[in-house]
């Protein structure tokens, strides 16, 4: 028996045991089981299997791509999140404090995000790099169209928007501190048709086919494991009702509204948010070499 065949048997046996446990624990009836099988067939017929994978995709990625940041409760490391399909390499490099590239009339409430990049032992990381990207207030990612999100059916028409709008690679200062100006992000949809089998399930579960407001980040520093993560916003109802599952509590941050906008050069009220990125050193340990 080959190694792949052996692994298939082990995983399938455990999967069947897990399904058996759920059926017995909740006394699932034969009618309910057949209804579930019928629903899965509807999902396949509707071409929604790729979209349905989001129910489990995040968990699988956390156990594979995100394994280096597993169990952050043990050492206070930041939580890992999947990169998602909207990442574009080659964003302009800016030094902190920075302003994300944006249009002169960029819609949305101004936001200043700041904090420190440090190790799990509390050492600041001078010159750490933070690659930042986000959706705009009109729910569009720059430099992309809907085909970039396939097989998911996510509408995204960035015609007329600069390719690196709200995207940058920011270099922290000599004390590991960073700051950037942006706008509050819009809402990202999973692109589910209103009458689709998956949308019907999300409504029955009282979940939303939308992602919580968020900002993406890939943070790296010499001697540390790179971190892919996302910042979420306290007060956003989608945090507790998204189809993708629970959002880590430490990833949800409170914003503070400021009406003294002239002091920071804004023409309208703005918000601030503080977020410290905590990286795990490699086996060789972190060094303080600026990038």
Protein backbone atom coordinates (compact mmCIF):
# COMPACT_ATOMS: atom_id res chain seq x y z
CA UNK A 1 0.00 0.00 0.00
CA UNK A 2 1.38 3.41 -0.98
CA UNK A 3 1.77 6.26 1.49
CA UNK A 4 -1.04 8.22 -0.21
CA UNK A 5 -3.40 5.24 -0.01
CA UNK A 6 -2.58 4.76 3.66
CA UNK A 7 -3.21 8.45 4.37
CA UNK A 8 -6.51 8.28 2.48
CA UNK A 9 -7.66 5.37 4.61
CA UNK A 10 -6.66 7.09 7.86
CA UNK A 11 -8.30 10.42 7.00
CA UNK A 12 -11.44 8.79 5.61
CA UNK A 13 -11.80 6.57 8.67
CA UNK A 14 -11.53 9.55 11.00
CA UNK A 15 -13.91 11.58 8.85
CA UNK A 16 -16.52 8.83 8.85
CA UNK A 17 -16.13 8.47 12.62
CA UNK A 18 -16.64 12.23 13.06
CA UNK A 19 -19.78 12.17 10.89
CA UNK A 20 -21.06 9.17 12.83
CA UNK A 21 -20.50 11.04 16.10
CA UNK A 22 -22.49 14.07 14.87
CA UNK A 23 -25.36 11.90 13.61
CA UNK A 24 -25.59 9.98 16.87
CA UNK A 25 -25.11 13.01 19.12
CA UNK A 26 -27.91 14.97 17.45
CA UNK A 27 -30.07 11.97 16.50
CA UNK A 28 -30.12 12.94 12.84
CA UNK A 29 -32.99 11.17 11.08
CA UNK A 30 -32.82 9.35 7.76
CA UNK A 31 -35.03 12.05 6.23
CA UNK A 32 -32.63 14.76 7.41
CA UNK A 33 -29.65 12.85 6.05
CA UNK A 34 -31.29 12.45 2.63
CA UNK A 35 -32.24 16.14 2.67
CA UNK A 36 -28.57 16.99 3.27
CA UNK A 37 -27.46 14.77 0.40
CA UNK A 38 -30.09 16.40 -1.82
CA UNK A 39 -28.84 19.86 -0.83
CA UNK A 40 -25.27 18.88 -1.70
CA UNK A 41 -26.49 17.76 -5.12
CA UNK A 42 -28.20 21.14 -5.57
CA UNK A 43 -24.95 22.90 -4.65
CA UNK A 44 -23.08 20.85 -7.27
CA UNK A 45 -25.75 21.46 -9.92
CA UNK A 46 -25.63 25.20 -9.21
CA UNK A 47 -21.84 25.23 -9.59
CA UNK A 48 -21.45 26.42 -6.01
CA UNK A 49 -19.01 23.83 -4.69
CA UNK A 50 -16.08 26.32 -4.90
CA UNK A 51 -18.09 28.86 -2.92
CA UNK A 52 -19.21 26.21 -0.44
CA UNK A 53 -15.57 25.43 0.25
CA UNK A 54 -15.28 28.72 2.17
CA UNK A 55 -17.13 26.98 5.00
CA UNK A 56 -14.04 24.83 5.58
CA UNK A 57 -11.26 26.44 3.51
CA UNK A 58 -10.17 28.81 6.25
CA UNK A 59 -9.83 25.98 8.78
CA UNK A 60 -7.74 23.89 6.38
CA UNK A 61 -5.44 26.81 5.62
CA UNK A 62 -4.95 27.56 9.31
CA UNK A 63 -3.72 24.01 9.76
CA UNK A 64 -1.33 24.17 6.78
CA UNK A 65 -0.23 27.61 5.57
CA UNK A 66 -0.93 29.14 8.97
CA UNK A 67 0.70 26.40 11.03
CA UNK A 68 3.66 28.61 12.01
CA UNK A 69 1.25 30.86 13.91
CA UNK A 70 -0.91 28.13 15.43
CA UNK A 71 -1.99 28.51 19.08
CA UNK A 72 -1.18 32.23 19.47
CA UNK A 73 -2.59 32.08 23.00
CA UNK A 74 0.59 30.30 24.10
CA UNK A 75 2.99 33.18 23.46
CA UNK A 76 0.86 36.19 22.51
CA UNK A 77 1.66 36.03 18.80
CA UNK A 78 -0.72 37.72 16.41
CA UNK A 79 -3.38 35.53 14.82
CA UNK A 80 -2.94 34.17 11.30
CA UNK A 81 -5.49 34.82 8.56
CA UNK A 82 -5.58 33.70 4.96
CA UNK A 83 -4.20 36.04 2.33
CA UNK A 84 -7.28 35.91 0.13
CA UNK A 85 -7.48 36.46 -3.63
CA UNK A 86 -7.16 40.28 -3.60
CA UNK A 87 -3.42 40.44 -2.88
CA UNK A 88 -1.27 42.02 -5.61
CA UNK A 89 2.54 41.96 -5.31
CA UNK A 90 4.58 45.01 -6.20
CA UNK A 91 2.84 47.67 -4.11
CA UNK A 92 4.81 50.93 -3.72
CA UNK A 93 7.26 51.08 -0.80
CA UNK A 94 6.60 53.87 1.72
CA UNK A 95 8.29 54.74 5.00
CA UNK A 96 6.28 55.30 8.15
CA UNK A 97 4.40 57.55 8.75
CA UNK A 98 2.75 56.94 5.39
CA UNK A 99 -0.40 57.67 3.43
CA UNK A 100 -1.75 54.78 1.38
CA UNK A 101 -1.97 55.70 -2.31
CA UNK A 102 -5.46 57.04 -2.88
CA UNK A 103 -7.48 59.30 -5.13
CA UNK A 104 -7.77 63.02 -4.26
CA UNK A 105 -11.49 62.50 -3.63
CA UNK A 106 -11.16 59.03 -2.07
CA UNK A 107 -14.56 58.12 -0.60
CA UNK A 108 -14.84 56.90 2.97
CA UNK A 109 -14.18 58.03 6.50
CA UNK A 110 -10.48 58.82 7.08
CA UNK A 111 -8.65 56.34 9.30
CA UNK A 112 -5.19 56.39 10.90
CA UNK A 113 -3.78 52.97 11.86
CA UNK A 114 -0.68 52.85 14.05
CA UNK A 115 1.19 50.56 16.40
CA UNK A 116 4.41 48.61 16.87
CA UNK A 117 5.85 45.51 15.24
CA UNK A 118 7.57 43.39 17.88
CA UNK A 119 8.49 39.84 18.80
CA UNK A 120 6.67 37.57 21.22
CA UNK A 121 9.35 38.46 23.77
CA UNK A 122 8.57 42.17 23.44
CA UNK A 123 11.55 43.26 21.36
CA UNK A 124 10.71 45.92 18.74
CA UNK A 125 11.53 45.09 15.12
CA UNK A 126 13.20 48.06 13.40
CA UNK A 127 12.54 48.28 9.68
CA UNK A 128 9.78 45.68 9.70
CA UNK A 129 7.79 45.64 6.46
CA UNK A 130 3.99 45.77 6.43
CA UNK A 131 2.28 45.04 3.13
CA UNK A 132 -1.19 46.57 3.39
CA UNK A 133 -4.19 46.29 1.09
CA UNK A 134 -7.93 46.78 1.45
CA UNK A 135 -11.21 47.22 -0.36
CA UNK A 136 -12.38 50.81 -0.88
CA UNK A 137 -15.53 52.41 0.55
CA UNK A 138 -17.43 51.50 -2.63
CA UNK A 139 -16.58 47.81 -2.13
CA UNK A 140 -13.97 47.53 -4.90
CA UNK A 141 -10.37 46.24 -4.80
CA UNK A 142 -7.99 48.18 -7.03
CA UNK A 143 -6.16 46.57 -9.94
CA UNK A 144 -8.53 43.61 -10.20
CA UNK A 145 -11.69 42.47 -11.95
CA UNK A 146 -14.15 39.69 -11.20
CA UNK A 147 -12.08 37.09 -13.08
CA UNK A 148 -9.29 37.47 -10.52
CA UNK A 149 -11.58 36.00 -7.85
CA UNK A 150 -12.62 32.87 -9.77
CA UNK A 151 -13.89 30.29 -8.98
CA UNK A 152 -15.73 32.57 -6.53
CA UNK A 153 -18.33 34.80 -8.16
CA UNK A 154 -17.34 38.15 -6.63
CA UNK A 155 -18.24 41.35 -8.50
CA UNK A 156 -15.26 43.73 -8.75
CA UNK A 157 -14.99 46.39 -11.45
CA UNK A 158 -11.93 48.56 -10.81
CA UNK A 159 -12.13 50.45 -14.11
CA UNK A 160 -10.80 53.97 -13.61
CA UNK A 161 -9.23 53.21 -10.22
CA UNK A 162 -5.39 53.40 -9.98
CA UNK A 163 -3.94 49.88 -9.79
CA UNK A 164 -2.30 50.44 -6.39
CA UNK A 165 -5.12 52.38 -4.80
CA UNK A 166 -5.11 51.62 -1.04
CA UNK A 167 -2.11 49.32 -1.41
CA UNK A 168 1.41 49.87 -0.06
CA UNK A 169 4.44 48.22 1.52
CA UNK A 170 5.20 50.28 4.63
CA UNK A 171 8.56 50.23 6.42
CA UNK A 172 8.45 50.69 10.20
CA UNK A 173 10.83 53.13 11.90
CA UNK A 174 13.92 52.41 14.02
CA UNK A 175 11.73 51.55 17.01
CA UNK A 176 9.45 49.20 15.09
CA UNK A 177 6.66 51.78 15.06
CA UNK A 178 4.43 52.29 12.06
CA UNK A 179 1.59 54.58 11.06
CA UNK A 180 -0.46 54.88 7.90
CA UNK A 181 -3.45 56.87 6.75
CA UNK A 182 -6.24 55.23 4.83
CA UNK A 183 -10.06 55.17 4.85
CA UNK A 184 -12.52 52.85 6.53
CA UNK A 185 -12.91 49.80 4.27
CA UNK A 186 -16.11 48.82 2.52
CA UNK A 187 -17.85 45.44 2.58
CA UNK A 188 -16.65 42.40 0.66
CA UNK A 189 -19.24 39.95 -0.61
CA UNK A 190 -18.92 36.22 -1.20
CA UNK A 191 -20.91 36.66 -4.42
CA UNK A 192 -23.75 34.26 -3.60
CA UNK A 193 -26.85 34.40 -5.80
CA UNK A 194 -29.92 35.32 -3.74
CA UNK A 195 -31.81 32.10 -4.52
CA UNK A 196 -28.80 29.76 -4.56
CA UNK A 197 -28.57 26.66 -2.33
CA UNK A 198 -25.66 28.13 -0.38
CA UNK A 199 -27.44 31.45 0.16
CA UNK A 200 -30.50 29.54 1.37
CA UNK A 201 -28.34 27.71 3.92
CA UNK A 202 -26.68 30.91 5.18
CA UNK A 203 -30.10 32.48 5.74
CA UNK A 204 -31.31 29.38 7.58
CA UNK A 205 -28.21 29.57 9.80
CA UNK A 206 -28.75 33.32 10.26
CA UNK A 207 -25.32 33.99 8.77
CA UNK A 208 -24.33 36.66 6.28
CA UNK A 209 -22.86 36.10 2.83
CA UNK A 210 -20.61 39.09 3.50
CA UNK A 211 -17.18 39.47 5.07
CA UNK A 212 -16.65 41.72 8.10
CA UNK A 213 -14.91 45.04 7.46
CA UNK A 214 -11.17 44.33 7.37
CA UNK A 215 -7.69 45.44 6.34
CA UNK A 216 -5.17 42.89 5.05
CA UNK A 217 -1.53 42.77 6.15
CA UNK A 218 1.55 40.66 5.49
CA UNK A 219 4.18 41.57 8.09
CA UNK A 220 7.82 40.51 7.85
CA UNK A 221 11.05 41.28 9.69
CA UNK A 222 14.56 39.85 9.75
CA UNK A 223 14.80 36.78 11.96
CA UNK A 224 11.04 36.32 12.30
CA UNK A 225 8.41 34.15 10.68
CA UNK A 226 6.31 36.18 8.21
CA UNK A 227 2.75 36.81 9.35
CA UNK A 228 -0.34 37.05 7.17
CA UNK A 229 -3.26 38.55 9.04
CA UNK A 230 -6.27 40.86 8.95
CA UNK A 231 -7.51 43.68 11.17
CA UNK A 232 -11.24 43.72 12.01
CA UNK A 233 -13.40 46.44 13.55
CA UNK A 234 -15.28 46.42 16.82
CA UNK A 235 -18.95 47.30 16.43
CA UNK A 236 -19.24 45.65 13.01
CA UNK A 237 -22.20 43.22 13.29
CA UNK A 238 -20.70 40.98 10.61
CA UNK A 239 -17.92 39.93 13.00
CA UNK A 240 -20.39 37.69 14.83
CA UNK A 241 -22.42 36.48 11.86
CA UNK A 242 -20.10 35.79 8.95
CA UNK A 243 -20.29 32.53 7.03
CA UNK A 244 -16.54 31.93 7.36
CA UNK A 245 -16.66 31.26 11.10
CA UNK A 246 -15.50 32.90 14.30
CA UNK A 247 -13.16 35.90 14.18
CA UNK A 248 -10.38 35.84 16.83
CA UNK A 249 -11.16 38.35 19.58
CA UNK A 250 -7.67 39.86 19.50
CA UNK A 251 -8.13 40.70 15.82
CA UNK A 252 -11.13 42.94 16.49
CA UNK A 253 -10.05 46.47 17.37
CA UNK A 254 -11.92 49.57 18.51
CA UNK A 255 -11.68 52.80 16.55
CA UNK A 256 -11.85 56.24 18.14
CA UNK A 257 -13.63 59.07 16.35
CA UNK A 258 -11.99 62.52 16.35
CA UNK A 259 -13.81 65.73 15.48
CA UNK A 260 -10.70 67.96 15.65
CA UNK A 261 -9.87 67.03 12.08
CA UNK A 262 -7.96 70.23 11.27
CA UNK A 263 -5.21 69.27 13.74
CA UNK A 264 -4.27 66.27 11.55
CA UNK A 265 -4.88 68.00 8.23
CA UNK A 266 -8.22 66.36 7.42
CA UNK A 267 -11.25 68.15 6.02
CA UNK A 268 -13.69 66.00 7.99
CA UNK A 269 -13.80 63.89 11.18
CA UNK A 270 -11.53 60.86 11.21
CA UNK A 271 -10.90 57.68 13.20
CA UNK A 272 -7.81 56.14 14.77
CA UNK A 273 -7.01 52.51 15.51
CA UNK A 274 -4.05 50.96 17.34
CA UNK A 275 -2.78 47.49 16.43
CA UNK A 276 0.49 45.83 17.46
CA UNK A 277 1.76 43.06 15.20
CA UNK A 278 3.52 40.35 17.25
CA UNK A 279 5.83 38.07 15.26
CA UNK A 280 7.43 34.77 16.22
CA UNK A 281 11.23 34.60 15.92
CA UNK A 282 12.70 31.89 13.74
CA UNK A 283 14.85 29.20 15.30
CA UNK A 284 17.84 31.48 14.75
CA UNK A 285 16.10 34.39 16.50
CA UNK A 286 15.17 37.88 15.42
CA UNK A 287 17.78 40.41 14.44
CA UNK A 288 17.48 44.15 14.32
CA UNK A 289 18.50 44.60 10.70
CA UNK A 290 16.39 47.31 9.02
CA UNK A 291 14.98 46.46 5.60
